[in-house]
Amino acid sequence: MPQIIPIKDLKNTSEISELCHNTTEPIYITKNGYGDMVIMSMETYENVASKLKMYQTLLESEQQIKNGEVLEATEALKALKEKYDL
């Protein structure tokens, strides 16, 4: 369940920091009853960012497959062995 707090609660920085570190989800900040910002701990941000990077890589890979930009398995393995001197 997402946590939602009003912007005036940001005055309590220690409590907000603790709240961010005790959850693995973003915390939504409202202003005048409407969504305004999202805050999260650095650990949560890095986790989200790494997942987004992985999803982007998967999308690029799918596009390469659709475009026919693929190698035979033997060619790919040969290229990897040469690249990493195996």
Protein backbone atom coordinates (compact mmCIF):
# COMPACT_ATOMS: atom_id res chain seq x y z
CA MET A 1 0.00 0.00 0.00
CA PRO A 2 1.55 3.31 -1.00
CA GLN A 3 2.24 5.85 1.70
CA ILE A 4 0.92 9.34 1.09
CA ILE A 5 1.82 12.34 3.23
CA PRO A 6 1.10 16.06 2.95
CA ILE A 7 3.93 18.40 1.99
CA LYS A 8 3.79 20.15 5.39
CA ASP A 9 5.10 16.94 6.98
CA LEU A 10 8.43 17.42 5.18
CA LYS A 11 9.43 19.74 8.03
CA ASN A 12 10.12 16.62 10.11
CA THR A 13 13.20 15.56 8.16
CA SER A 14 14.34 12.86 10.61
CA GLU A 15 10.92 11.21 10.60
CA ILE A 16 10.69 11.40 6.81
CA SER A 17 14.16 9.89 6.45
CA GLU A 18 13.23 7.04 8.79
CA LEU A 19 9.99 6.51 6.90
CA CYS A 20 11.90 6.30 3.60
CA HIS A 21 14.36 3.78 4.99
CA ASN A 22 11.66 1.58 6.52
CA THR A 23 9.89 0.95 3.21
CA THR A 24 10.93 -0.34 -0.19
CA GLU A 25 8.36 1.78 -1.98
CA PRO A 26 8.30 5.46 -2.89
CA ILE A 27 6.42 7.87 -0.63
CA TYR A 28 3.97 10.18 -2.35
CA ILE A 29 3.82 13.82 -1.28
CA THR A 30 0.63 15.81 -1.77
CA LYS A 31 0.14 19.55 -1.98
CA ASN A 32 -3.36 20.95 -1.49
CA GLY A 33 -4.72 17.41 -1.78
CA TYR A 34 -3.06 16.67 -5.14
CA GLY A 35 0.00 14.59 -5.99
CA ASP A 36 3.12 16.75 -6.12
CA MET A 37 6.31 14.73 -5.51
CA VAL A 38 7.72 11.30 -4.77
CA ILE A 39 10.58 10.59 -2.35
CA MET A 40 12.48 7.40 -1.56
CA SER A 41 15.68 6.17 0.04
CA MET A 42 18.84 5.91 -2.05
CA GLU A 43 18.68 2.12 -1.78
CA THR A 44 15.13 2.06 -3.16
CA TYR A 45 16.08 4.50 -5.93
CA GLU A 46 19.10 2.41 -6.98
CA ASN A 47 16.92 -0.72 -7.01
CA VAL A 48 14.30 0.98 -9.20
CA ALA A 49 16.97 2.46 -11.49
CA SER A 50 18.66 -0.92 -12.00
CA LYS A 51 15.32 -2.53 -12.89
CA LEU A 52 14.55 0.24 -15.35
CA LYS A 53 17.97 -0.25 -16.98
CA MET A 54 17.33 -3.98 -17.26
CA TYR A 55 13.90 -3.42 -18.84
CA GLN A 56 15.40 -0.93 -21.30
CA THR A 57 18.07 -3.46 -22.27
CA LEU A 58 15.39 -6.11 -22.81
CA LEU A 59 13.37 -3.74 -25.02
CA GLU A 60 16.47 -2.95 -27.08
CA SER A 61 17.20 -6.67 -27.43
CA GLU A 62 13.66 -7.38 -28.60
CA GLN A 63 13.96 -4.59 -31.16
CA GLN A 64 17.26 -5.99 -32.42
CA ILE A 65 15.62 -9.40 -32.86
CA LYS A 66 12.73 -7.83 -34.80
CA ASN A 67 15.24 -6.02 -37.02
CA GLY A 68 17.13 -9.24 -37.70
CA GLU A 69 20.25 -8.02 -35.90
CA VAL A 70 21.11 -11.44 -34.51
CA LEU A 71 24.03 -13.86 -34.67
CA GLU A 72 24.09 -17.62 -34.84
CA ALA A 73 24.94 -19.11 -31.45
CA THR A 74 28.31 -20.41 -32.67
CA GLU A 75 29.24 -16.96 -34.00
CA ALA A 76 28.17 -15.27 -30.77
CA LEU A 77 30.18 -17.71 -28.63
CA LYS A 78 33.22 -17.27 -30.86
CA ALA A 79 32.98 -13.47 -30.54
CA LEU A 80 32.67 -13.73 -26.73
CA LYS A 81 35.68 -16.06 -26.52
CA GLU A 82 37.76 -13.67 -28.60
CA LYS A 83 36.58 -10.64 -26.65
CA TYR A 84 37.38 -12.18 -23.25
CA ASP A 85 40.41 -14.22 -24.40
CA LEU A 86 38.89 -17.56 -23.42
